[in-house]
Amino acid sequence: MPFSRYFIFICCFIPSLVQAASVDLNQFKVSDNGDSTRVVMKLSGAVKYSIFTLKKPDRLVVDLKNINKKTHKITSSVKNPFIKFVRSGVRNHHDFRIVFDLKSKVKPKSFVLKPSKKNNMHRLVIDLSSYKSKREIIAKKKIKKQPKLKSLVIAIDAGHGGKDIGAQGYKGTLEKKVVFKIAKKLEALIKKQRGMKAVMIRNGDYFLKLKQRIAKARKYKADLFISIHADAFRNPQAKGASVYVLSRNSASSVAARWLADRENASDLIGGVSLGDKDNVLASVLMDMSQTATIEASLKLGNEVLSGLKNISRIHKRQVQKAGFVVLKSPDIPSILVETAFISNPGEERNLNNGTHQWRLAQAMMKGIARYFNENPIPGTYYAAKQLEIVVSDKLPTIARSLPKNMSFNEELVGN
């Protein structure tokens, strides 16, 4: 007796052949409720029943006690997300077994409803829902509780701009224009990186004071600052890329200026206000912050320089130290990249080449990614990824340490 969403089976009622104590199964209905399936059996009286599941293949079995032995057998295929086929048979001359052949494991829940004014029959209701193992439930809870990961903010500073054209090449190439093109390409690459977002310090051809560039990076709570330039020298043979970080001598003078104005520096070093600290403590906090920032800048600079070595000549093989104003934020790792010598005719030509611009941007992108892989910031995608790597590396060692009579999965469940 096939049906689409549900089927109804009405058993014949023959009073003369039914013992007084037997119960009639008058109606059998299966309905699909989307996430669950409901089976309703209408009975002429109260009934005792048992319900259980079987594996290989998955089945649900319902035994009804003391049912009229003349009840028709149920045999039908079902269009249902949980049930493939339903079959039945008489057991022990007076019990009735219904077997549901299932498409997958289910979690059954059953209850009995007594007759009411609207419905004068007893009803046995069985609800079927998807079965989830303890491990799946635990994993789902962990996913729900997982905190939202912070995106790393990369501040990209295209040097010069507006009335400040920067250096000029032999054929008239303006530094402000080529470095902006490289910066935009780096921005595009960062936007494609999981767990990162880019902030352009200038997003067009306009002038910004050097301190305004630092202020904007701080406004957007940048985790890293990279300033892009093109070098120049009176000798047209000078060539190659260089990477700079703030020198410690310059850092000392910067610290003195920051400390002098600390009453207004409410968010100076990672959210720690210096306004309410005495001079000694404020100086110590500033020194600690700057030392950590310079060390982080050196690590970042080395990674970016390593990437640049693969695509162009390097002018200085080590990260250089200088007092560039844009590098003077006390708590944001900052580097300045001289991509090439615009005063060199060959490198001027390369700087105007779109493909070469992409290669420069990709080299910087790889350096940034390597830096965060090696120095992940807590609460970011890179920190979460690093944790996964550490755990996966330790799994074989943990498994080998288990007792011989205990499987690895059992140990995990036990914890």
Protein backbone atom coordinates (compact mmCIF):
# COMPACT_ATOMS: atom_id res chain seq x y z
CA MET A 1 0.00 0.00 0.00
CA PRO A 2 2.32 2.85 -1.21
CA PHE A 3 1.89 6.52 -0.24
CA SER A 4 3.84 9.80 -0.61
CA ARG A 5 4.04 11.75 2.63
CA TYR A 6 2.01 9.42 4.80
CA PHE A 7 -0.15 6.36 4.66
CA ILE A 8 -3.16 5.19 6.61
CA PHE A 9 -3.92 1.61 7.32
CA ILE A 10 -7.34 0.73 8.69
CA CYS A 11 -7.71 -2.72 10.10
CA CYS A 12 -10.89 -4.73 9.80
CA PHE A 13 -12.78 -5.05 13.05
CA ILE A 14 -14.52 -8.40 13.53
CA PRO A 15 -16.12 -8.41 16.99
CA SER A 16 -17.19 -12.04 16.88
CA LEU A 17 -13.60 -13.26 16.44
CA VAL A 18 -11.86 -10.94 18.92
CA GLN A 19 -11.20 -12.00 22.48
CA ALA A 20 -12.41 -9.52 25.05
CA ALA A 21 -8.90 -8.60 26.20
CA SER A 22 -7.41 -7.97 22.72
CA VAL A 23 -6.88 -4.48 21.30
CA ASP A 24 -7.58 -3.38 17.74
CA LEU A 25 -5.08 -1.34 15.73
CA ASN A 26 -7.56 0.87 13.90
CA GLN A 27 -5.29 3.35 12.17
CA PHE A 28 -1.59 3.66 11.33
CA LYS A 29 -0.17 6.93 10.07
CA VAL A 30 3.34 8.15 9.16
CA SER A 31 3.96 11.85 8.52
CA ASP A 32 7.08 13.79 7.55
CA ASN A 33 7.61 16.96 9.61
CA GLY A 34 10.85 18.10 7.97
CA ASP A 35 13.45 17.56 10.69
CA SER A 36 11.53 14.66 12.20
CA THR A 37 9.02 11.93 11.38
CA ARG A 38 5.94 11.11 13.45
CA VAL A 39 4.24 7.71 13.57
CA VAL A 40 0.74 7.63 15.10
CA MET A 41 -1.14 4.39 15.88
CA LYS A 42 -4.78 4.66 16.91
CA LEU A 43 -5.93 1.80 19.14
CA SER A 44 -9.24 0.66 20.56
CA GLY A 45 -7.82 0.41 24.05
CA ALA A 46 -4.75 0.83 26.22
CA VAL A 47 -1.81 -1.23 25.03
CA LYS A 48 1.54 -2.35 26.37
CA TYR A 49 4.40 -1.94 23.95
CA SER A 50 8.18 -2.04 23.60
CA ILE A 51 10.41 -0.19 21.18
CA PHE A 52 14.07 -0.72 20.28
CA THR A 53 16.57 -0.28 17.44
CA LEU A 54 18.77 -2.76 15.58
CA LYS A 55 21.96 -2.27 13.55
CA LYS A 56 23.41 -3.63 10.28
CA PRO A 57 21.05 -2.71 8.75
CA ASP A 58 19.46 0.06 10.81
CA ARG A 59 15.93 -0.84 11.94
CA LEU A 60 13.34 0.34 14.42
CA VAL A 61 11.15 -2.37 16.00
CA VAL A 62 7.83 -1.78 17.76
CA ASP A 63 6.13 -4.68 19.59
CA LEU A 64 2.46 -4.20 20.50
CA LYS A 65 1.16 -6.62 23.16
CA ASN A 66 -2.13 -8.50 22.87
CA ILE A 67 -3.30 -7.12 19.54
CA ASN A 68 -6.20 -8.65 17.66
CA LYS A 69 -4.59 -11.44 15.65
CA LYS A 70 -6.80 -10.63 12.67
CA THR A 71 -5.07 -7.25 12.25
CA HIS A 72 -3.92 -6.85 8.67
CA LYS A 73 -0.21 -6.97 7.96
CA ILE A 74 1.48 -3.67 7.07
CA THR A 75 3.80 -3.88 4.07
CA SER A 76 4.70 -0.72 2.24
CA SER A 77 7.59 1.35 0.91
CA VAL A 78 7.75 4.91 2.25
CA LYS A 79 8.91 8.23 0.81
CA ASN A 80 10.41 9.57 3.99
CA PRO A 81 13.82 11.00 5.02
CA PHE A 82 14.20 8.35 7.75
CA ILE A 83 12.14 5.31 6.68
CA LYS A 84 12.63 3.12 3.60
CA PHE A 85 10.09 0.35 4.21
CA VAL A 86 7.54 -0.77 6.79
CA ARG A 87 6.60 -4.41 7.44
CA SER A 88 4.74 -6.28 10.18
CA GLY A 89 3.79 -9.70 11.48
CA VAL A 90 2.05 -11.56 14.33
CA ARG A 91 4.22 -12.93 17.16
CA ASN A 92 3.28 -15.39 19.91
CA HIS A 93 -0.28 -15.64 18.45
CA HIS A 94 -1.40 -12.38 20.08
CA ASP A 95 1.46 -9.81 19.76
CA PHE A 96 2.00 -7.60 16.72
CA ARG A 97 5.52 -6.51 15.55
CA ILE A 98 6.09 -3.57 13.23
CA VAL A 99 9.57 -3.20 11.68
CA PHE A 100 10.76 0.05 10.12
CA ASP A 101 13.69 -0.38 7.72
CA LEU A 102 15.65 2.84 8.15
CA LYS A 103 17.82 4.96 5.85
CA SER A 104 20.09 5.92 8.75
CA LYS A 105 20.37 5.75 12.52
CA VAL A 106 17.49 7.50 14.34
CA LYS A 107 16.68 8.61 17.84
CA PRO A 108 13.13 7.40 18.74
CA LYS A 109 10.91 8.98 21.36
CA SER A 110 7.51 7.50 22.22
CA PHE A 111 4.51 8.38 24.39
CA VAL A 112 0.83 7.42 24.79
CA LEU A 113 -2.19 9.72 24.57
CA LYS A 114 -5.44 8.75 26.24
CA PRO A 115 -8.87 9.31 24.63
CA SER A 116 -10.19 12.86 24.67
CA LYS A 117 -13.38 14.64 23.71
CA LYS A 118 -12.07 15.23 20.21
CA ASN A 119 -10.51 11.80 19.81
CA ASN A 120 -12.07 8.77 21.45
CA MET A 121 -9.16 6.41 20.73
CA HIS A 122 -5.94 5.60 22.52
CA ARG A 123 -2.89 6.75 20.54
CA LEU A 124 0.69 5.55 20.54
CA VAL A 125 2.96 8.29 19.15
CA ILE A 126 6.56 7.68 18.03
CA ASP A 127 8.78 10.59 16.96
CA LEU A 128 11.95 9.88 14.97
CA SER A 129 14.81 12.37 14.71
CA SER A 130 18.40 12.24 13.47
CA TYR A 131 20.75 10.32 15.73
CA LYS A 132 23.83 12.22 16.89
CA SER A 133 26.67 10.52 18.72
CA LYS A 134 28.10 12.01 21.91
CA ARG A 135 31.18 13.01 19.96
CA GLU A 136 29.08 14.90 17.37
CA ILE A 137 27.13 16.67 20.12
CA ILE A 138 30.33 17.66 21.94
CA ALA A 139 31.89 18.87 18.67
CA LYS A 140 28.79 20.94 17.89
CA LYS A 141 28.87 22.53 21.34
CA LYS A 142 32.55 23.38 20.92
CA ILE A 143 31.84 25.04 17.57
CA LYS A 144 29.06 27.12 19.12
CA LYS A 145 31.23 28.20 22.02
CA GLN A 146 34.25 29.03 19.86
CA PRO A 147 34.94 32.77 20.16
CA LYS A 148 34.98 34.91 17.06
CA LEU A 149 38.51 35.27 15.77
CA LYS A 150 39.95 38.77 15.40
CA SER A 151 41.06 39.80 11.91
CA LEU A 152 44.63 41.02 11.66
CA VAL A 153 44.69 44.64 10.49
CA ILE A 154 47.49 45.45 8.05
CA ALA A 155 48.07 49.18 7.52
CA ILE A 156 49.53 49.85 4.05
CA ASP A 157 51.21 53.20 3.62
CA ALA A 158 51.90 54.23 0.02
CA GLY A 159 54.68 56.79 0.43
CA HIS A 160 54.29 60.48 -0.48
CA GLY A 161 51.18 61.67 -2.36
CA GLY A 162 49.58 64.89 -3.59
CA LYS A 163 52.05 67.79 -3.65
CA ASP A 164 54.73 65.45 -2.27
CA ILE A 165 55.73 63.53 -5.41
CA GLY A 166 58.69 61.74 -3.80
CA ALA A 167 61.63 60.75 -6.01
CA GLN A 168 61.53 61.03 -9.80
CA GLY A 169 62.94 58.56 -12.29
CA TYR A 170 65.18 59.20 -15.32
CA LYS A 171 62.15 59.05 -17.61
CA GLY A 172 59.91 61.08 -15.31
CA THR A 173 58.30 58.27 -13.29
CA LEU A 174 56.93 59.64 -10.02
CA GLU A 175 57.54 57.64 -6.85
CA LYS A 176 54.14 58.52 -5.39
CA LYS A 177 52.35 56.89 -8.35
CA VAL A 178 54.25 53.59 -8.65
CA VAL A 179 54.29 52.91 -4.91
CA PHE A 180 50.53 53.53 -4.77
CA LYS A 181 50.01 50.90 -7.50
CA ILE A 182 52.13 48.40 -5.57
CA ALA A 183 50.25 49.24 -2.36
CA LYS A 184 46.87 48.62 -4.03
CA LYS A 185 48.09 45.25 -5.29
CA LEU A 186 49.23 44.33 -1.78
CA GLU A 187 45.82 45.40 -0.47
CA ALA A 188 44.12 43.08 -2.98
CA LEU A 189 46.28 40.15 -1.86
CA ILE A 190 45.64 40.79 1.83
CA LYS A 191 41.88 40.90 1.23
CA LYS A 192 42.10 37.35 -0.11
CA GLN A 193 43.92 36.11 2.98
CA ARG A 194 41.84 34.39 5.63
CA GLY A 195 42.01 36.21 8.94
CA MET A 196 43.39 39.49 7.56
CA LYS A 197 42.06 42.83 6.44
CA ALA A 198 43.86 45.78 4.86
CA VAL A 199 43.68 49.49 5.64
CA MET A 200 45.09 51.92 3.07
CA ILE A 201 46.71 54.89 4.81
CA ARG A 202 46.08 56.97 1.69
CA ASN A 203 43.57 55.74 -0.85
CA GLY A 204 44.26 58.31 -3.53
CA ASP A 205 46.71 60.97 -4.70
CA TYR A 206 46.64 63.39 -1.78
CA PHE A 207 49.07 64.68 0.80
CA LEU A 208 49.28 63.32 4.34
CA LYS A 209 51.68 64.43 7.04
CA LEU A 210 53.91 61.69 8.39
CA LYS A 211 52.36 61.84 11.85
CA GLN A 212 48.88 61.61 10.29
CA ARG A 213 49.90 58.28 8.77
CA ILE A 214 50.82 56.90 12.19
CA ALA A 215 47.61 58.31 13.69
CA LYS A 216 45.47 56.59 11.05
CA ALA A 217 47.17 53.24 11.66
CA ARG A 218 46.51 53.62 15.38
CA LYS A 219 42.90 54.67 14.74
CA TYR A 220 42.25 51.37 12.95
CA LYS A 221 44.14 49.41 15.64
CA ALA A 222 46.66 48.10 13.11
CA ASP A 223 48.61 44.98 14.00
CA LEU A 224 51.28 45.81 11.44
CA PHE A 225 52.38 48.87 9.47
CA ILE A 226 54.20 48.64 6.13
CA SER A 227 55.33 51.79 4.29
CA ILE A 228 56.17 51.37 0.58
CA HIS A 229 58.71 53.58 -1.18
CA ALA A 230 61.12 53.68 -4.13
CA ASP A 231 64.69 54.78 -3.38
CA ALA A 232 66.78 57.30 -5.32
CA PHE A 233 70.49 58.18 -5.52
CA ARG A 234 72.64 60.51 -7.56
CA ASN A 235 74.48 57.52 -9.04
CA PRO A 236 72.10 55.87 -11.58
CA GLN A 237 73.90 52.56 -11.10
CA ALA A 238 72.59 52.14 -7.53
CA LYS A 239 70.03 49.36 -7.47
CA GLY A 240 68.16 46.91 -5.28
CA ALA A 241 65.54 46.71 -2.54
CA SER A 242 65.99 47.47 1.17
CA VAL A 243 63.90 47.07 4.33
CA TYR A 244 64.13 49.44 7.32
CA VAL A 245 62.97 49.36 10.94
CA LEU A 246 63.25 52.00 13.65
CA SER A 247 66.69 52.36 15.24
CA ARG A 248 66.96 52.13 19.02
CA ASN A 249 68.56 55.60 19.22
CA SER A 250 65.57 57.10 17.44
CA ALA A 251 63.27 55.06 19.66
CA SER A 252 64.68 56.73 22.76
CA SER A 253 63.91 60.22 21.52
CA VAL A 254 60.46 59.11 20.41
CA ALA A 255 59.78 57.65 23.86
CA ALA A 256 60.71 60.95 25.47
CA ARG A 257 58.23 62.84 23.26
CA TRP A 258 55.45 60.31 23.90
CA LEU A 259 56.04 60.44 27.65
CA ALA A 260 55.98 64.24 27.65
CA ASP A 261 52.48 64.10 26.19
CA ARG A 262 51.24 61.03 28.03
CA GLU A 263 48.35 62.90 29.67
CA ASN A 264 46.67 62.81 26.25
CA ALA A 265 47.90 59.32 25.36
CA SER A 266 44.91 57.35 26.64
CA ASP A 267 45.56 54.39 24.37
CA LEU A 268 49.30 54.52 23.92
CA ILE A 269 50.64 51.01 24.41
CA GLY A 270 48.09 48.33 23.67
CA GLY A 271 45.29 50.05 25.58
CA VAL A 272 47.38 50.85 28.69
CA SER A 273 47.01 54.50 29.64
CA LEU A 274 50.16 56.27 30.86
CA GLY A 275 48.29 59.32 32.11
CA ASP A 276 47.81 57.94 35.65
CA LYS A 277 51.30 56.38 36.00
CA ASP A 278 54.27 58.00 37.72
CA ASN A 279 57.30 58.93 35.62
CA VAL A 280 59.37 55.85 36.47
CA LEU A 281 56.58 53.35 35.80
CA ALA A 282 55.50 55.13 32.61
CA SER A 283 59.10 55.08 31.37
CA VAL A 284 59.46 51.35 32.11
CA LEU A 285 56.18 50.52 30.36
CA MET A 286 57.16 52.58 27.34
CA ASP A 287 60.61 50.98 27.15
CA MET A 288 59.14 47.47 27.37
CA SER A 289 56.61 48.26 24.64
CA GLN A 290 59.17 49.78 22.29
CA THR A 291 61.68 46.97 22.82
CA ALA A 292 59.05 44.36 21.97
CA THR A 293 57.85 46.39 18.96
CA ILE A 294 61.36 46.81 17.51
CA GLU A 295 62.06 43.07 17.95
CA ALA A 296 58.77 42.25 16.20
CA SER A 297 59.59 44.76 13.44
CA LEU A 298 62.97 43.09 12.87
CA LYS A 299 61.32 39.68 12.54
CA LEU A 300 58.79 41.08 10.09
CA GLY A 301 61.51 42.93 8.16
CA ASN A 302 63.60 39.77 7.80
CA GLU A 303 60.61 37.81 6.45
CA VAL A 304 59.76 40.52 3.90
CA LEU A 305 63.41 40.93 2.87
CA SER A 306 63.65 37.17 2.38
CA GLY A 307 60.68 37.34 0.00
CA LEU A 308 62.14 40.24 -1.96
CA LYS A 309 65.43 38.36 -2.46
CA ASN A 310 63.58 35.87 -4.64
CA ILE A 311 62.37 38.41 -7.20
CA SER A 312 64.86 41.28 -7.34
CA ARG A 313 68.35 42.41 -6.46
CA ILE A 314 68.84 43.37 -2.82
CA HIS A 315 70.65 46.62 -2.07
CA LYS A 316 71.20 45.89 1.63
CA ARG A 317 71.27 42.21 2.61
CA GLN A 318 70.35 42.94 6.23
CA VAL A 319 67.38 44.82 7.63
CA GLN A 320 68.51 48.41 8.10
CA LYS A 321 67.81 50.69 11.06
CA ALA A 322 66.89 54.34 10.68
CA GLY A 323 64.80 57.11 12.24
CA PHE A 324 61.98 57.37 9.66
CA VAL A 325 59.01 59.12 11.24
CA VAL A 326 56.46 56.60 9.94
CA LEU A 327 58.22 53.85 11.90
CA LYS A 328 57.85 55.61 15.25
CA SER A 329 54.68 54.06 16.62
CA PRO A 330 55.69 52.54 19.98
CA ASP A 331 53.36 49.52 19.81
CA ILE A 332 52.80 48.66 16.13
CA PRO A 333 55.47 46.56 14.39
CA SER A 334 56.48 48.80 11.47
CA ILE A 335 58.73 48.46 8.43
CA LEU A 336 59.61 50.67 5.48
CA VAL A 337 60.28 48.91 2.16
CA GLU A 338 62.39 50.58 -0.52
CA THR A 339 61.21 48.44 -3.44
CA ALA A 340 63.94 49.56 -5.88
CA PHE A 341 65.95 52.56 -7.05
CA ILE A 342 63.67 54.66 -9.23
CA SER A 343 66.81 56.60 -10.23
CA ASN A 344 68.15 53.45 -11.96
CA PRO A 345 66.78 53.27 -15.54
CA GLY A 346 66.38 49.48 -15.45
CA GLU A 347 64.61 49.47 -12.10
CA GLU A 348 62.48 52.45 -13.13
CA ARG A 349 61.29 50.32 -16.05
CA ASN A 350 60.50 47.42 -13.70
CA LEU A 351 58.59 49.68 -11.31
CA ASN A 352 56.29 50.68 -14.18
CA ASN A 353 55.68 47.03 -15.14
CA GLY A 354 52.40 45.68 -13.78
CA THR A 355 53.70 42.12 -13.55
CA HIS A 356 56.73 43.22 -11.54
CA GLN A 357 54.47 45.27 -9.26
CA TRP A 358 52.48 42.11 -8.54
CA ARG A 359 55.67 40.20 -7.77
CA LEU A 360 56.76 42.85 -5.30
CA ALA A 361 53.34 42.78 -3.63
CA GLN A 362 53.39 38.97 -3.50
CA ALA A 363 56.86 38.97 -1.92
CA MET A 364 55.65 41.34 0.80
CA MET A 365 52.47 39.29 1.28
CA LYS A 366 54.45 36.08 1.74
CA GLY A 367 56.70 37.80 4.26
CA ILE A 368 53.70 39.08 6.24
CA ALA A 369 52.06 35.64 6.25
CA ARG A 370 55.29 33.93 7.36
CA TYR A 371 55.69 36.48 10.15
CA PHE A 372 52.23 35.79 11.56
CA ASN A 373 52.66 32.04 11.14
CA GLU A 374 55.79 32.23 13.28
CA ASN A 375 54.47 34.92 15.65
CA PRO A 376 50.70 34.40 15.89
CA ILE A 377 48.68 36.94 17.84
CA PRO A 378 46.26 35.33 20.36
CA GLY A 379 42.64 35.36 19.29
CA THR A 380 43.42 35.37 15.56
CA TYR A 381 43.11 32.77 12.81
CA TYR A 382 46.88 32.29 12.79
CA ALA A 383 46.91 31.46 16.51
CA ALA A 384 44.04 28.98 16.06
CA LYS A 385 45.80 27.40 13.09
CA GLN A 386 49.03 27.10 15.06
CA LEU A 387 47.16 25.35 17.88
CA GLU A 388 45.73 22.83 15.40
CA ILE A 389 49.22 22.12 14.05
CA VAL A 390 50.64 21.58 17.55
CA VAL A 391 47.80 19.24 18.54
CA SER A 392 48.00 17.21 15.30
CA ASP A 393 51.78 16.89 15.67
CA LYS A 394 51.34 15.45 19.17
CA LEU A 395 48.57 12.97 18.35
CA PRO A 396 50.82 10.08 17.16
CA THR A 397 52.95 10.43 20.33
CA ILE A 398 49.86 10.38 22.54
CA ALA A 399 48.50 7.35 20.70
CA ARG A 400 51.75 5.41 21.20
CA SER A 401 51.63 6.12 24.94
CA LEU A 402 48.19 4.51 25.42
CA PRO A 403 47.84 1.09 27.09
CA LYS A 404 47.72 -1.77 24.60
CA ASN A 405 44.15 -2.64 25.58
CA MET A 406 42.88 0.90 25.04
CA SER A 407 42.21 2.50 21.66
CA PHE A 408 43.01 6.15 20.96
CA ASN A 409 39.31 7.00 20.49
CA GLU A 410 38.43 5.51 23.87
CA GLU A 411 41.02 7.71 25.51
CA LEU A 412 39.57 10.82 23.90
CA VAL A 413 36.03 9.92 24.95
CA GLY A 414 37.23 9.15 28.46
CA ASN A 415 38.64 12.64 28.79
